[in-house]
C-alpha atoms as a PDB file:
ATOM      1  CA  MET A   1     115.202 112.547 115.472  1.00  0.00           C
ATOM      2  CA  PRO A   2     116.480 109.116 116.539  1.00  0.00           C
ATOM      3  CA  SER A   3     114.079 106.203 116.592  1.00  0.00           C
ATOM      4  CA  LYS A   4     112.760 105.006 119.926  1.00  0.00           C
ATOM      5  CA  THR A   5     114.194 101.863 121.441  1.00  0.00           C
ATOM      6  CA  ARG A   6     112.245  99.020 123.038  1.00  0.00           C
ATOM      7  CA  THR A   7     113.157 100.428 126.444  1.00  0.00           C
ATOM      8  CA  ASP A   8     111.844 103.884 125.518  1.00  0.00           C
ATOM      9  CA  MET A   9     108.577 102.393 124.287  1.00  0.00           C
ATOM     10  CA  ARG A  10     108.165 100.324 127.476  1.00  0.00           C
ATOM     11  CA  ALA A  11     108.866 103.395 129.612  1.00  0.00           C
ATOM     12  CA  ALA A  12     106.191 105.329 127.706  1.00  0.00           C
ATOM     13  CA  ARG A  13     103.651 102.536 128.275  1.00  0.00           C
ATOM     14  CA  HIS A  14     104.596 102.461 131.961  1.00  0.00           C
ATOM     15  CA  ARG A  15     104.070 106.234 132.305  1.00  0.00           C
ATOM     16  CA  ARG A  16     100.688 105.905 130.616  1.00  0.00           C
ATOM     17  CA  VAL A  17      99.604 103.141 133.010  1.00  0.00           C
ATOM     18  CA  ARG A  18     101.001 104.930 136.080  1.00  0.00           C
ATOM     19  CA  LYS A  19      98.725 107.930 135.415  1.00  0.00           C
ATOM     20  CA  ARG A  20      95.820 105.704 136.427  1.00  0.00           C
ATOM     21  CA  ILE A  21      97.227 103.380 139.092  1.00  0.00           C
ATOM     22  CA  SER A  22      98.843 104.224 142.383  1.00  0.00           C
ATOM     23  CA  GLY A  23      99.364 102.306 145.594  1.00  0.00           C
ATOM     24  CA  THR A  24      97.664 103.321 148.811  1.00  0.00           C
ATOM     25  CA  PRO A  25      98.275 102.017 152.336  1.00  0.00           C
ATOM     26  CA  GLU A  26      95.053  99.956 152.077  1.00  0.00           C
ATOM     27  CA  ARG A  27      95.830  98.644 148.584  1.00  0.00           C
ATOM     28  CA  PRO A  28      99.513  98.988 147.641  1.00  0.00           C
ATOM     29  CA  ARG A  29     100.930  98.546 144.145  1.00  0.00           C
ATOM     30  CA  LEU A  30     102.598  95.280 143.096  1.00  0.00           C
ATOM     31  CA  THR A  31     105.068  96.186 140.372  1.00  0.00           C
ATOM     32  CA  VAL A  32     107.086  93.801 138.220  1.00  0.00           C
ATOM     33  CA  PHE A  33     110.426  94.314 136.502  1.00  0.00           C
ATOM     34  CA  LYS A  34     112.078  91.835 134.206  1.00  0.00           C
ATOM     35  CA  SER A  35     115.498  92.082 132.639  1.00  0.00           C
ATOM     36  CA  LEU A  36     117.093  89.612 130.265  1.00  0.00           C
ATOM     37  CA  LYS A  37     118.379  87.483 133.171  1.00  0.00           C
ATOM     38  CA  HIS A  38     116.281  88.319 136.240  1.00  0.00           C
ATOM     39  CA  VAL A  39     112.778  89.056 137.498  1.00  0.00           C
ATOM     40  CA  SER A  40     111.890  91.197 140.498  1.00  0.00           C
ATOM     41  CA  ALA A  41     108.709  92.376 142.195  1.00  0.00           C
ATOM     42  CA  GLN A  42     108.018  95.081 144.759  1.00  0.00           C
ATOM     43  CA  ILE A  43     104.981  96.074 146.775  1.00  0.00           C
ATOM     44  CA  ILE A  44     104.925  99.858 147.047  1.00  0.00           C
ATOM     45  CA  ASP A  45     102.867 102.378 149.022  1.00  0.00           C
ATOM     46  CA  ASP A  46     102.974 105.411 146.709  1.00  0.00           C
ATOM     47  CA  THR A  47     101.433 107.847 149.205  1.00  0.00           C
ATOM     48  CA  ALA A  48     104.360 107.381 151.616  1.00  0.00           C
ATOM     49  CA  GLY A  49     106.873 106.405 148.926  1.00  0.00           C
ATOM     50  CA  ASN A  50     107.852 103.205 150.756  1.00  0.00           C
ATOM     51  CA  THR A  51     108.654  99.741 149.488  1.00  0.00           C
ATOM     52  CA  LEU A  52     106.758  97.368 151.773  1.00  0.00           C
ATOM     53  CA  ALA A  53     108.052  94.052 150.392  1.00  0.00           C
ATOM     54  CA  ALA A  54     110.345  92.889 147.611  1.00  0.00           C
ATOM     55  CA  ALA A  55     111.537  89.659 145.997  1.00  0.00           C
ATOM     56  CA  SER A  56     113.991  88.981 143.190  1.00  0.00           C
ATOM     57  CA  THR A  57     115.663  86.120 141.372  1.00  0.00           C
ATOM     58  CA  GLN A  58     118.972  87.673 142.447  1.00  0.00           C
ATOM     59  CA  GLU A  59     118.384  86.647 146.069  1.00  0.00           C
ATOM     60  CA  LYS A  60     120.554  83.687 147.041  1.00  0.00           C
ATOM     61  CA  ASP A  61     117.994  82.085 149.370  1.00  0.00           C
ATOM     62  CA  LEU A  62     115.227  81.914 146.710  1.00  0.00           C
ATOM     63  CA  LYS A  63     117.347  80.091 144.108  1.00  0.00           C
ATOM     64  CA  ALA A  64     114.918  81.016 141.343  1.00  0.00           C
ATOM     65  CA  PRO A  65     115.923  81.077 137.660  1.00  0.00           C
ATOM     66  CA  GLY A  66     114.965  84.066 135.508  1.00  0.00           C
ATOM     67  CA  ASN A  67     112.288  82.219 133.546  1.00  0.00           C
ATOM     68  CA  LYS A  68     108.560  81.442 133.992  1.00  0.00           C
ATOM     69  CA  GLU A  69     109.183  78.907 136.764  1.00  0.00           C
ATOM     70  CA  GLY A  70     111.386  81.405 138.570  1.00  0.00           C
ATOM     71  CA  ALA A  71     108.767  84.125 138.122  1.00  0.00           C
ATOM     72  CA  LYS A  72     106.159  81.887 139.755  1.00  0.00           C
ATOM     73  CA  ILE A  73     108.506  81.348 142.730  1.00  0.00           C
ATOM     74  CA  ILE A  74     109.037  85.121 142.989  1.00  0.00           C
ATOM     75  CA  GLY A  75     105.258  85.666 142.885  1.00  0.00           C
ATOM     76  CA  GLN A  76     104.752  83.201 145.721  1.00  0.00           C
ATOM     77  CA  ALA A  77     107.599  84.752 147.732  1.00  0.00           C
ATOM     78  CA  ILE A  78     106.276  88.306 147.357  1.00  0.00           C
ATOM     79  CA  ALA A  79     102.775  87.163 148.369  1.00  0.00           C
ATOM     80  CA  GLU A  80     104.167  85.404 151.434  1.00  0.00           C
ATOM     81  CA  ARG A  81     106.146  88.491 152.477  1.00  0.00           C
ATOM     82  CA  ALA A  82     103.108  90.716 151.885  1.00  0.00           C
ATOM     83  CA  ARG A  83     100.861  88.511 154.028  1.00  0.00           C
ATOM     84  CA  LYS A  84     103.412  88.679 156.867  1.00  0.00           C
ATOM     85  CA  LYS A  85     103.012  92.470 156.733  1.00  0.00           C
ATOM     86  CA  GLY A  86      99.204  92.185 156.725  1.00  0.00           C
ATOM     87  CA  ILE A  87      98.682  92.996 153.033  1.00  0.00           C
ATOM     88  CA  GLU A  88      95.859  91.030 151.396  1.00  0.00           C
ATOM     89  CA  THR A  89      94.920  93.040 148.281  1.00  0.00           C
ATOM     90  CA  VAL A  90      97.136  94.904 145.821  1.00  0.00           C
ATOM     91  CA  VAL A  91      96.938  96.767 142.518  1.00  0.00           C
ATOM     92  CA  PHE A  92      98.937  94.986 139.804  1.00  0.00           C
ATOM     93  CA  ASP A  93     101.352  97.147 137.796  1.00  0.00           C
ATOM     94  CA  ARG A  94     102.877  95.313 134.837  1.00  0.00           C
ATOM     95  CA  ALA A  95     105.272  98.256 134.270  1.00  0.00           C
ATOM     96  CA  GLY A  96     104.723  98.474 130.520  1.00  0.00           C
ATOM     97  CA  PHE A  97     105.482  94.790 129.910  1.00  0.00           C
ATOM     98  CA  LYS A  98     102.955  92.611 128.080  1.00  0.00           C
ATOM     99  CA  TYR A  99     100.809  90.498 130.387  1.00  0.00           C
ATOM    100  CA  HIS A 100     102.055  87.118 129.183  1.00  0.00           C
ATOM    101  CA  GLY A 101     104.897  84.730 129.853  1.00  0.00           C
ATOM    102  CA  ILE A 102     107.001  85.804 132.822  1.00  0.00           C
ATOM    103  CA  VAL A 103     104.702  88.623 133.973  1.00  0.00           C
ATOM    104  CA  ALA A 104     101.596  86.416 133.861  1.00  0.00           C
ATOM    105  CA  SER A 105     103.454  83.604 135.629  1.00  0.00           C
ATOM    106  CA  LEU A 106     104.502  85.949 138.454  1.00  0.00           C
ATOM    107  CA  ALA A 107     100.898  87.154 138.818  1.00  0.00           C
ATOM    108  CA  ASP A 108      99.596  83.564 138.909  1.00  0.00           C
ATOM    109  CA  GLY A 109     102.131  82.631 141.587  1.00  0.00           C
ATOM    110  CA  ALA A 110     101.118  85.610 143.719  1.00  0.00           C
ATOM    111  CA  ARG A 111      97.420  84.777 143.332  1.00  0.00           C
ATOM    112  CA  GLU A 112      97.987  81.132 144.247  1.00  0.00           C
ATOM    113  CA  ALA A 113      99.828  82.220 147.398  1.00  0.00           C
ATOM    114  CA  GLY A 114      96.874  84.346 148.514  1.00  0.00           C
ATOM    115  CA  LEU A 115      97.226  87.887 147.141  1.00  0.00           C
ATOM    116  CA  LYS A 116      94.065  89.369 145.657  1.00  0.00           C
ATOM    117  CA  PHE A 117      94.120  91.620 142.579  1.00  0.00           C
END
């Protein structure tokens, strides 16, 4: 049996967390994904299966780098877009990533911009 990769282990942690959390129309799920170069966040209503808002470092108009400063900008952008849609509170889904560094910075940026979680 081949050994599990980092990606496999993260996916297993994400599945374990997703058993307990899900987004509702009243309180959608804010999920984070980070690759080696970029960071992205989505606000998802799991009951309808819709993405309500999204932000990524790959967007030209945000001009955010893929580091902690860029993650904070993405957090503020996703919170701004969520508030425009009338979303005040969310459930935070770290997607199997450790809550430190980029993930924590994104969460702090979203909180500073007015999202509650």
